[in-house]
N, C-alpha and C. Protein backbone atom coordinates (compact mmCIF):
# COMPACT_ATOMS: atom_id res chain seq x y z
N UNK A 1 -30.81 -79.62 -20.85
CA UNK A 1 -32.24 -79.98 -21.87
C UNK A 1 -31.66 -80.31 -22.40
N UNK A 2 -32.38 -80.93 -23.13
CA UNK A 2 -31.96 -82.13 -24.52
C UNK A 2 -32.61 -81.11 -25.27
N UNK A 3 -31.65 -81.58 -26.56
CA UNK A 3 -31.94 -81.32 -28.09
C UNK A 3 -33.38 -82.13 -28.57
N UNK A 4 -34.55 -82.01 -28.49
CA UNK A 4 -34.72 -82.57 -29.24
C UNK A 4 -35.90 -81.73 -30.54
N UNK A 5 -36.23 -82.79 -31.61
CA UNK A 5 -36.84 -81.97 -32.32
C UNK A 5 -38.23 -81.31 -32.09
N UNK A 6 -39.28 -82.07 -31.65
CA UNK A 6 -40.13 -81.47 -31.60
C UNK A 6 -40.91 -80.74 -29.98
N UNK A 7 -41.39 -80.08 -29.84
CA UNK A 7 -41.85 -79.51 -28.54
C UNK A 7 -42.87 -80.09 -27.99
N UNK A 8 -42.68 -79.90 -26.32
CA UNK A 8 -44.60 -80.62 -26.01
C UNK A 8 -45.09 -79.09 -26.04
N UNK A 9 -46.43 -79.31 -25.94
CA UNK A 9 -47.42 -78.42 -26.09
C UNK A 9 -47.61 -77.79 -24.39
N UNK A 10 -47.66 -76.13 -24.13
CA UNK A 10 -48.00 -75.75 -22.98
C UNK A 10 -48.74 -74.43 -22.95
N UNK A 11 -49.87 -74.89 -22.15
CA UNK A 11 -50.75 -73.53 -21.63
C UNK A 11 -49.97 -72.23 -21.18
N UNK A 12 -49.03 -72.35 -21.25
CA UNK A 12 -47.94 -71.08 -20.43
C UNK A 12 -46.47 -71.33 -20.80
N UNK A 13 -45.78 -70.30 -21.45
CA UNK A 13 -44.37 -70.78 -21.48
C UNK A 13 -43.55 -68.97 -21.28
N UNK A 14 -42.53 -69.12 -20.54
CA UNK A 14 -42.18 -67.96 -20.06
C UNK A 14 -40.66 -67.63 -21.21
N UNK A 15 -40.84 -66.46 -21.77
CA UNK A 15 -39.84 -66.23 -22.77
C UNK A 15 -38.80 -65.14 -21.72
N UNK A 16 -37.23 -65.12 -22.00
CA UNK A 16 -36.51 -64.31 -20.99
C UNK A 16 -35.63 -64.02 -22.09
N UNK A 17 -35.82 -62.18 -21.31
CA UNK A 17 -35.03 -61.32 -22.69
C UNK A 17 -33.92 -62.00 -22.87
N UNK A 18 -32.96 -61.69 -24.11
CA UNK A 18 -31.47 -62.50 -24.66
C UNK A 18 -31.48 -63.81 -24.74
N UNK A 19 -32.36 -64.67 -24.20
CA UNK A 19 -32.08 -65.75 -23.84
C UNK A 19 -33.35 -66.47 -24.46
N UNK A 20 -34.09 -66.60 -24.30
CA UNK A 20 -35.47 -67.38 -25.26
C UNK A 20 -35.87 -67.78 -24.67
N UNK A 21 -36.91 -69.00 -24.73
CA UNK A 21 -37.83 -69.65 -23.82
C UNK A 21 -37.08 -70.53 -23.05
N UNK A 22 -37.34 -70.34 -21.34
CA UNK A 22 -36.86 -70.36 -20.42
C UNK A 22 -37.24 -72.36 -20.19
N UNK A 23 -36.16 -72.89 -20.01
CA UNK A 23 -36.03 -74.54 -20.27
C UNK A 23 -35.78 -75.26 -21.69
N UNK A 24 -36.05 -74.01 -22.38
CA UNK A 24 -35.52 -74.64 -23.93
C UNK A 24 -34.24 -75.10 -24.38
N UNK A 25 -34.01 -76.10 -24.64
CA UNK A 25 -31.89 -76.34 -25.18
C UNK A 25 -31.79 -75.12 -25.90
N UNK A 26 -32.80 -74.80 -26.45
CA UNK A 26 -31.68 -73.62 -27.71
C UNK A 26 -31.85 -72.10 -27.04
N UNK A 27 -32.47 -71.90 -25.66
CA UNK A 27 -32.16 -70.71 -25.34
C UNK A 27 -30.70 -70.45 -24.79
N UNK A 28 -30.28 -68.72 -25.14
CA UNK A 28 -29.02 -68.30 -24.34
C UNK A 28 -28.46 -66.87 -25.36
N UNK A 29 -27.91 -66.82 -25.07
CA UNK A 29 -27.28 -65.65 -25.72
C UNK A 29 -26.52 -66.10 -26.94
N UNK A 30 -25.77 -66.95 -26.89
CA UNK A 30 -25.11 -67.19 -28.16
C UNK A 30 -25.40 -68.81 -28.76
N UNK A 31 -25.51 -68.93 -29.49
CA UNK A 31 -26.04 -70.06 -30.70
C UNK A 31 -25.87 -71.57 -29.67
N UNK A 32 -26.93 -72.18 -30.05
CA UNK A 32 -27.51 -72.93 -28.98
C UNK A 32 -27.81 -74.07 -29.87
N UNK A 33 -27.98 -73.93 -31.47
CA UNK A 33 -28.38 -75.23 -32.23
C UNK A 33 -27.10 -75.95 -32.60
N UNK A 34 -27.03 -77.32 -32.23
CA UNK A 34 -25.84 -78.13 -32.15
C UNK A 34 -25.01 -77.41 -33.88
N UNK A 35 -25.52 -77.79 -34.82
CA UNK A 35 -24.77 -77.56 -36.00
C UNK A 35 -24.45 -75.68 -35.89
N UNK A 36 -24.99 -75.02 -35.43
CA UNK A 36 -24.29 -73.93 -35.74
C UNK A 36 -22.99 -73.48 -34.29
N UNK A 37 -23.21 -74.72 -32.97
CA UNK A 37 -22.19 -74.50 -31.98
C UNK A 37 -20.57 -75.33 -32.65
N UNK A 38 -21.03 -75.80 -33.50
CA UNK A 38 -20.00 -76.57 -34.14
C UNK A 38 -18.91 -75.82 -35.26
N UNK A 39 -19.74 -74.65 -35.83
CA UNK A 39 -19.44 -73.63 -36.98
C UNK A 39 -18.82 -72.42 -35.86
N UNK A 40 -19.23 -72.22 -34.61
CA UNK A 40 -18.82 -70.85 -34.07
C UNK A 40 -19.81 -70.42 -32.79
N UNK A 41 -19.19 -71.37 -31.87
CA UNK A 41 -19.99 -71.16 -30.29
C UNK A 41 -19.72 -69.98 -29.96
N UNK A 42 -19.47 -68.58 -30.30
CA UNK A 42 -19.61 -67.54 -29.88
C UNK A 42 -20.40 -66.63 -30.58
N UNK A 43 -21.02 -67.12 -31.42
CA UNK A 43 -21.99 -66.32 -32.17
C UNK A 43 -23.03 -65.92 -31.67
N UNK A 44 -23.71 -64.80 -31.93
CA UNK A 44 -25.29 -64.40 -31.11
C UNK A 44 -26.23 -65.52 -31.51
N UNK A 45 -27.29 -65.99 -30.80
CA UNK A 45 -28.41 -66.31 -30.59
C UNK A 45 -29.40 -65.11 -31.01
N UNK A 46 -29.42 -66.08 -32.75
CA UNK A 46 -30.53 -64.90 -33.41
C UNK A 46 -31.88 -65.93 -33.73
N UNK A 47 -31.45 -67.19 -32.74
CA UNK A 47 -32.67 -68.21 -32.68
C UNK A 47 -33.21 -68.60 -31.58
N UNK A 48 -33.61 -67.50 -31.12
CA UNK A 48 -33.81 -68.01 -29.40
C UNK A 48 -35.37 -68.49 -29.31
N UNK A 49 -36.18 -68.00 -30.45
CA UNK A 49 -37.75 -68.38 -30.34
C UNK A 49 -38.24 -68.28 -31.59
N UNK A 50 -38.54 -69.73 -31.94
CA UNK A 50 -39.40 -70.43 -33.16
C UNK A 50 -40.67 -70.35 -33.43
N UNK A 51 -41.31 -69.37 -34.44
CA UNK A 51 -42.64 -69.25 -34.91
C UNK A 51 -43.17 -69.85 -35.80
N UNK A 52 -44.51 -70.49 -35.86
CA UNK A 52 -45.02 -70.80 -36.96
C UNK A 52 -46.02 -70.28 -36.78
N UNK A 53 -46.59 -70.35 -37.82
CA UNK A 53 -48.05 -69.94 -38.51
C UNK A 53 -49.04 -71.43 -38.48
N UNK A 54 -49.94 -70.67 -37.65
CA UNK A 54 -51.20 -72.33 -37.79
C UNK A 54 -51.39 -72.48 -39.09
N UNK A 55 -51.38 -71.86 -40.35
CA UNK A 55 -51.97 -72.09 -41.33
C UNK A 55 -51.04 -73.06 -42.18
N UNK A 56 -49.67 -73.07 -42.08
CA UNK A 56 -49.05 -73.58 -42.64
C UNK A 56 -48.86 -75.40 -41.86
N UNK A 57 -49.57 -75.68 -41.07
CA UNK A 57 -50.33 -76.62 -40.10
C UNK A 57 -50.99 -77.29 -41.30
N UNK A 58 -51.76 -76.55 -41.15
CA UNK A 58 -53.53 -76.84 -42.24
C UNK A 58 -53.09 -76.98 -43.32
N UNK A 59 -51.75 -76.26 -44.11
CA UNK A 59 -51.74 -76.51 -45.27
C UNK A 59 -51.30 -77.76 -45.44
N UNK A 60 -50.09 -78.49 -44.70
CA UNK A 60 -49.65 -79.66 -44.66
C UNK A 60 -50.88 -80.92 -44.22
N UNK A 61 -51.33 -80.81 -43.32
CA UNK A 61 -52.44 -81.75 -43.36
C UNK A 61 -53.41 -82.01 -44.23
N UNK A 62 -53.51 -80.85 -45.08
CA UNK A 62 -54.36 -81.09 -46.29
C UNK A 62 -53.64 -81.86 -47.30
N UNK A 63 -52.36 -81.88 -47.21
CA UNK A 63 -51.14 -82.49 -48.46
C UNK A 63 -50.90 -84.04 -47.86
N UNK A 64 -51.58 -84.67 -46.67
CA UNK A 64 -51.54 -85.95 -46.04
C UNK A 64 -50.29 -86.22 -44.69
N UNK A 65 -49.82 -84.80 -44.23
CA UNK A 65 -48.88 -84.34 -43.29
C UNK A 65 -49.65 -84.77 -42.01
N UNK A 66 -49.33 -85.54 -41.16
CA UNK A 66 -50.14 -85.29 -39.82
C UNK A 66 -49.03 -84.62 -38.75
N UNK A 67 -48.94 -83.15 -38.84
CA UNK A 67 -48.19 -82.08 -38.30
C UNK A 67 -49.43 -81.32 -37.26
N UNK A 68 -49.11 -81.25 -36.04
CA UNK A 68 -49.69 -79.95 -35.41
C UNK A 68 -48.56 -79.20 -34.15
N UNK A 69 -48.79 -78.51 -33.49
CA UNK A 69 -47.89 -77.44 -32.94
C UNK A 69 -47.16 -77.94 -32.42
N UNK A 70 -45.91 -77.67 -32.50
CA UNK A 70 -44.82 -78.39 -31.90
C UNK A 70 -43.80 -79.34 -32.74
N UNK A 71 -44.44 -79.85 -33.32
CA UNK A 71 -44.16 -80.86 -34.13
C UNK A 71 -42.95 -80.60 -34.73
N UNK A 72 -43.01 -79.41 -35.36
CA UNK A 72 -41.80 -79.16 -36.56
C UNK A 72 -40.72 -78.21 -35.53
N UNK A 73 -40.68 -78.45 -34.10
CA UNK A 73 -39.72 -77.72 -33.01
C UNK A 73 -39.95 -76.03 -32.94
N UNK A 74 -41.43 -75.75 -33.26
CA UNK A 74 -41.53 -74.02 -33.07
C UNK A 74 -41.92 -74.08 -31.25
N UNK A 75 -41.59 -73.15 -30.87
CA UNK A 75 -41.80 -72.46 -29.65
C UNK A 75 -43.67 -71.92 -29.74
N UNK A 76 -43.59 -71.12 -30.72
CA UNK A 76 -45.09 -70.40 -30.82
C UNK A 76 -45.54 -70.65 -31.97
N UNK A 77 -46.89 -71.16 -31.55
CA UNK A 77 -47.89 -70.87 -33.31
C UNK A 77 -48.80 -70.20 -33.10
N UNK A 78 -48.48 -69.16 -34.05
CA UNK A 78 -49.29 -68.05 -34.65
C UNK A 78 -50.80 -68.10 -35.33
N UNK A 79 -51.88 -67.48 -35.40
CA UNK A 79 -52.92 -67.82 -36.17
C UNK A 79 -52.82 -66.37 -36.68
N UNK A 80 -53.02 -66.06 -38.09
CA UNK A 80 -53.85 -64.80 -38.76
C UNK A 80 -52.88 -63.64 -38.37
N UNK A 81 -51.24 -64.07 -38.29
CA UNK A 81 -50.19 -63.45 -38.65
C UNK A 81 -49.24 -63.76 -39.82
N UNK A 82 -49.24 -62.55 -40.87
CA UNK A 82 -48.04 -63.24 -41.91
C UNK A 82 -47.02 -63.11 -41.48
N UNK A 83 -46.66 -64.19 -40.63
CA UNK A 83 -44.80 -64.26 -40.51
C UNK A 83 -43.99 -64.09 -41.36
N UNK A 84 -43.98 -64.50 -42.36
CA UNK A 84 -43.46 -65.14 -43.80
C UNK A 84 -43.13 -63.57 -44.47
N UNK A 85 -44.25 -62.71 -44.30
CA UNK A 85 -44.43 -61.61 -44.92
C UNK A 85 -43.63 -60.40 -44.00
N UNK A 86 -43.09 -60.79 -42.78
CA UNK A 86 -42.60 -59.28 -41.84
C UNK A 86 -40.98 -59.22 -42.53
N UNK A 87 -41.00 -58.15 -42.22
CA UNK A 87 -39.58 -57.48 -42.23
C UNK A 87 -38.64 -57.92 -41.21
N UNK A 88 -37.37 -57.88 -41.53
CA UNK A 88 -36.26 -58.00 -40.28
C UNK A 88 -36.86 -56.91 -39.42
N UNK A 89 -36.73 -57.26 -37.92
CA UNK A 89 -36.94 -56.08 -37.48
C UNK A 89 -38.60 -55.92 -36.86
N UNK A 90 -39.09 -56.69 -37.42
CA UNK A 90 -40.24 -56.73 -36.92
C UNK A 90 -40.51 -57.37 -35.51
N UNK A 91 -41.80 -56.30 -34.75
CA UNK A 91 -41.84 -56.95 -32.84
C UNK A 91 -42.97 -57.18 -33.11
N UNK A 92 -42.83 -58.46 -31.87
CA UNK A 92 -44.56 -58.88 -31.75
C UNK A 92 -43.83 -59.31 -30.59
N UNK A 93 -45.32 -58.50 -29.46
CA UNK A 93 -46.02 -58.87 -28.31
C UNK A 93 -46.80 -59.86 -28.49
N UNK A 94 -46.23 -60.88 -27.71
CA UNK A 94 -46.71 -61.95 -27.34
C UNK A 94 -47.40 -62.38 -25.75
N UNK A 95 -48.52 -62.05 -25.47
CA UNK A 95 -48.85 -62.13 -24.13
C UNK A 95 -47.98 -60.36 -23.19
N UNK A 96 -47.26 -60.56 -22.70
CA UNK A 96 -46.39 -60.10 -21.56
C UNK A 96 -44.88 -59.65 -22.30
N UNK A 97 -44.52 -60.83 -23.20
CA UNK A 97 -43.25 -60.77 -23.99
C UNK A 97 -42.99 -59.87 -25.12
N UNK A 98 -41.84 -59.22 -25.33
CA UNK A 98 -41.89 -58.96 -27.02
C UNK A 98 -40.59 -59.47 -27.82
N UNK A 99 -40.88 -59.96 -28.65
CA UNK A 99 -39.53 -61.00 -29.41
C UNK A 99 -39.81 -59.78 -31.19
N UNK A 100 -38.24 -60.07 -31.09
CA UNK A 100 -37.82 -58.97 -32.75
C UNK A 100 -37.59 -60.20 -33.47
N UNK A 101 -38.28 -60.12 -34.88
CA UNK A 101 -38.07 -60.96 -35.85
C UNK A 101 -36.49 -60.75 -36.49
N UNK A 102 -35.46 -62.31 -36.39
CA UNK A 102 -34.14 -61.77 -36.98
C UNK A 102 -34.29 -62.44 -38.08
N UNK A 103 -35.46 -63.29 -38.83
CA UNK A 103 -34.93 -64.01 -40.31
C UNK A 103 -36.01 -65.32 -40.49
N UNK A 104 -36.10 -66.23 -41.45
CA UNK A 104 -36.56 -67.35 -41.62
C UNK A 104 -35.83 -68.39 -40.87
N UNK A 105 -36.39 -69.63 -41.14
CA UNK A 105 -35.74 -70.65 -40.15
C UNK A 105 -35.32 -71.64 -41.65
N UNK A 106 -34.55 -71.58 -41.58
CA UNK A 106 -33.76 -72.70 -42.76
C UNK A 106 -33.99 -73.81 -42.68
N UNK A 107 -35.06 -74.75 -43.20
CA UNK A 107 -35.67 -76.52 -43.11
C UNK A 107 -34.59 -77.10 -43.40
N UNK A 108 -34.17 -78.02 -42.88
CA UNK A 108 -33.19 -78.78 -42.88
C UNK A 108 -33.82 -80.51 -42.68
N UNK A 109 -32.48 -81.33 -42.64
CA UNK A 109 -33.07 -82.65 -42.97
C UNK A 109 -34.10 -83.55 -41.82
N UNK A 110 -34.13 -82.50 -40.74
CA UNK A 110 -34.68 -83.39 -39.42
C UNK A 110 -36.11 -83.37 -39.56
N UNK A 111 -36.51 -82.55 -40.78
CA UNK A 111 -38.02 -82.44 -40.64
C UNK A 111 -38.28 -83.99 -42.03
N UNK A 112 -37.23 -83.72 -42.73
CA UNK A 112 -37.69 -85.22 -43.01
C UNK A 112 -37.67 -86.72 -42.34
N UNK A 113 -36.78 -86.42 -41.70
CA UNK A 113 -36.24 -87.64 -40.04
C UNK A 113 -37.82 -87.73 -39.34
N UNK A 114 -38.51 -86.20 -39.49
CA UNK A 114 -40.05 -86.79 -38.80
C UNK A 114 -40.80 -86.81 -39.47
N UNK A 115 -41.21 -86.43 -40.97
CA UNK A 115 -41.79 -87.01 -41.11
C UNK A 115 -41.55 -87.02 -43.32
N UNK A 116 -41.25 -88.39 -43.43
CA UNK A 116 -40.58 -87.95 -45.50
C UNK A 116 -41.15 -87.32 -45.99
N UNK A 117 -40.25 -86.49 -46.57
CA UNK A 117 -40.79 -85.73 -47.46
C UNK A 117 -41.38 -84.01 -46.93
N UNK A 118 -41.73 -83.47 -45.60
CA UNK A 118 -41.70 -82.64 -45.02
C UNK A 118 -40.77 -81.67 -45.01
N UNK A 119 -39.80 -81.90 -45.49
CA UNK A 119 -38.75 -80.91 -46.16
C UNK A 119 -39.25 -79.79 -47.29
N UNK A 120 -39.32 -81.22 -48.34
CA UNK A 120 -39.72 -80.38 -49.67
C UNK A 120 -41.04 -78.95 -49.57
N UNK A 121 -42.05 -79.91 -48.54
CA UNK A 121 -43.44 -79.56 -48.58
C UNK A 121 -43.48 -78.33 -48.08
N UNK A 122 -42.18 -77.87 -46.68
CA UNK A 122 -42.44 -76.54 -46.49
C UNK A 122 -41.03 -75.78 -47.22
N UNK A 123 -40.86 -76.28 -48.48
CA UNK A 123 -40.38 -75.30 -49.17
C UNK A 123 -40.94 -75.14 -50.28
N UNK A 124 -41.35 -73.85 -51.37
CA UNK A 124 -41.78 -73.64 -52.78
C UNK A 124 -40.81 -73.04 -53.38
N UNK A 125 -41.47 -72.31 -54.63
CA UNK A 125 -40.73 -71.28 -55.53
C UNK A 125 -41.82 -70.34 -55.79
N UNK A 126 -41.11 -69.30 -55.90
CA UNK A 126 -42.02 -67.33 -56.13
C UNK A 126 -42.32 -68.00 -58.14
N UNK A 127 -42.71 -67.41 -58.44
CA UNK A 127 -43.10 -66.87 -59.79
C UNK A 127 -41.65 -66.57 -60.40
N UNK A 128 -40.32 -66.03 -60.00
CA UNK A 128 -39.70 -65.96 -60.49
C UNK A 128 -38.20 -66.95 -60.16
N UNK A 129 -38.59 -68.01 -59.54
CA UNK A 129 -37.82 -69.42 -59.40
C UNK A 129 -37.00 -69.20 -58.36
N UNK A 130 -37.28 -68.28 -57.57
CA UNK A 130 -36.55 -67.78 -55.89
C UNK A 130 -37.51 -68.78 -54.83
N UNK A 131 -36.52 -69.58 -53.98
CA UNK A 131 -36.69 -70.50 -52.65
C UNK A 131 -37.74 -69.88 -52.00
N UNK A 132 -38.66 -70.08 -51.23
CA UNK A 132 -39.34 -69.82 -50.35
C UNK A 132 -39.40 -70.74 -49.22
N UNK A 133 -39.01 -70.04 -48.05
CA UNK A 133 -38.83 -70.91 -46.94
C UNK A 133 -40.29 -70.74 -45.92
N UNK A 134 -40.71 -71.68 -46.08
CA UNK A 134 -41.98 -71.81 -44.95
C UNK A 134 -42.03 -72.23 -43.70
N UNK A 135 -40.98 -72.48 -43.54
CA UNK A 135 -40.97 -73.56 -42.19
C UNK A 135 -41.25 -72.02 -40.16
N UNK A 136 -41.68 -71.35 -41.17
CA UNK A 136 -41.41 -70.28 -39.91
C UNK A 136 -40.43 -69.05 -39.51
N UNK A 137 -40.17 -68.15 -38.79
CA UNK A 137 -39.49 -67.16 -38.47
C UNK A 137 -38.64 -67.56 -37.21
N UNK A 138 -37.57 -67.36 -36.68
CA UNK A 138 -37.07 -67.26 -35.77
C UNK A 138 -36.91 -65.44 -35.42
N UNK A 139 -36.34 -65.48 -34.13
CA UNK A 139 -36.50 -64.47 -33.21
C UNK A 139 -35.50 -64.05 -32.29
N UNK A 140 -35.93 -63.22 -31.42
CA UNK A 140 -34.62 -62.98 -30.13
C UNK A 140 -35.79 -62.19 -29.31
N UNK A 141 -35.89 -62.61 -27.91
CA UNK A 141 -36.45 -62.07 -26.82
C UNK A 141 -36.03 -60.72 -26.94
N UNK A 142 -36.60 -59.22 -26.76
CA UNK A 142 -36.65 -58.44 -26.11
C UNK A 142 -36.91 -57.78 -24.67
N UNK A 143 -38.42 -58.06 -24.60
CA UNK A 143 -38.96 -58.04 -23.33
C UNK A 143 -39.09 -59.50 -22.61
N UNK A 144 -39.22 -59.96 -21.40
CA UNK A 144 -39.28 -60.84 -20.71
C UNK A 144 -40.87 -61.16 -20.26
N UNK A 145 -41.45 -62.27 -20.36
CA UNK A 145 -43.12 -62.16 -20.19
C UNK A 145 -43.41 -63.66 -20.26
N UNK A 146 -44.73 -64.07 -19.86
CA UNK A 146 -45.41 -65.04 -20.27
C UNK A 146 -46.68 -64.95 -21.58
N UNK A 147 -45.78 -66.15 -22.38
CA UNK A 147 -47.02 -66.12 -23.49
C UNK A 147 -47.81 -67.37 -23.15
N UNK A 148 -49.29 -67.17 -22.65
CA UNK A 148 -50.35 -68.30 -23.13
C UNK A 148 -50.83 -68.23 -24.34
N UNK A 149 -51.55 -69.57 -24.27
CA UNK A 149 -52.78 -70.17 -25.25
C UNK A 149 -53.44 -69.00 -25.51
N UNK A 150 -54.25 -68.38 -27.05
CA UNK A 150 -54.84 -67.55 -27.21
C UNK A 150 -54.66 -66.05 -26.44
N UNK A 151 -53.19 -65.69 -26.31
CA UNK A 151 -52.70 -64.15 -26.03
C UNK A 151 -53.03 -63.71 -27.64
N UNK A 152 -53.22 -62.62 -27.43
CA UNK A 152 -53.50 -61.33 -28.42
C UNK A 152 -52.23 -61.51 -29.08
N UNK A 153 -51.78 -60.34 -30.25
CA UNK A 153 -50.45 -60.90 -30.61
C UNK A 153 -50.58 -59.83 -31.08
N UNK A 154 -49.56 -58.43 -31.41
CA UNK A 154 -49.83 -56.86 -31.78
C UNK A 154 -48.28 -56.75 -32.28
N UNK A 155 -48.51 -56.43 -33.49
CA UNK A 155 -47.27 -56.17 -33.92
C UNK A 155 -46.62 -54.69 -34.40
N UNK A 156 -45.30 -54.81 -34.18
CA UNK A 156 -45.09 -52.99 -34.56
C UNK A 156 -43.55 -53.41 -35.63
N UNK A 157 -44.08 -52.71 -36.63
CA UNK A 157 -43.09 -52.64 -37.85
C UNK A 157 -41.98 -51.86 -37.57
N UNK A 158 -40.53 -52.52 -38.21
CA UNK A 158 -39.51 -51.27 -37.98
C UNK A 158 -39.77 -50.23 -38.86
N UNK A 159 -38.96 -49.45 -38.39
CA UNK A 159 -38.99 -47.67 -39.56
C UNK A 159 -38.75 -48.35 -40.97
N UNK A 160 -39.06 -47.60 -42.31
CA UNK A 160 -38.63 -48.26 -43.38
C UNK A 160 -37.46 -47.30 -44.00
N UNK A 161 -36.97 -48.07 -44.66
CA UNK A 161 -36.62 -49.00 -45.61
C UNK A 161 -37.09 -50.66 -44.76
N UNK A 162 -38.01 -51.01 -44.91
CA UNK A 162 -38.04 -52.40 -44.63
C UNK A 162 -37.14 -53.96 -45.40
N UNK A 163 -36.18 -54.46 -44.65
CA UNK A 163 -35.51 -55.76 -45.55
C UNK A 163 -36.44 -57.03 -45.33
N UNK A 164 -36.64 -57.11 -46.01
CA UNK A 164 -37.18 -58.97 -46.04
C UNK A 164 -36.39 -59.59 -45.18
N UNK A 165 -36.72 -60.86 -45.00
CA UNK A 165 -36.42 -61.85 -44.12
C UNK A 165 -35.72 -62.48 -44.79
N UNK A 166 -34.66 -63.21 -44.25
CA UNK A 166 -33.53 -64.06 -44.95
C UNK A 166 -33.39 -64.85 -43.95
N UNK A 167 -32.92 -66.17 -44.84
CA UNK A 167 -32.68 -67.37 -42.98
C UNK A 167 -31.48 -66.87 -42.43
N UNK A 168 -31.92 -67.73 -41.29
CA UNK A 168 -30.59 -67.18 -39.87
C UNK A 168 -30.57 -68.57 -39.62
């Protein structure tokens, strides 16, 4: 499988427990992202599935960026779920599959290669000056299953105290 930045859109994808998206270059039990393989090829793959909220696409299009689902490398695009506000360990049922959120996607320069200025557009600062990464969340697959366009999404929060998401 080729390591490409943008992903094609499909009506159905299959998530495989412990691996990721069937047929995706980033699927595997250990890290598959090339920059991470160089650092430690034995590290667990906490980035099996990349999810982005469609509201980010809306925001970016309003700012002049022509982006659509899959363009920023995401496997799943959601709507109506506050992905960035989820705690680490939150579980989402996507169709027949279950994923567990591991952390925030750390934006990289590939975003600027796709569209100049996009990397900066997916980052912001809160009132205290802390960096906000808006480029989606990463997850591991706990239960295999098919995910279809417009499948309902259900959420299960982990026990308290909740840990905020950090980059993975």
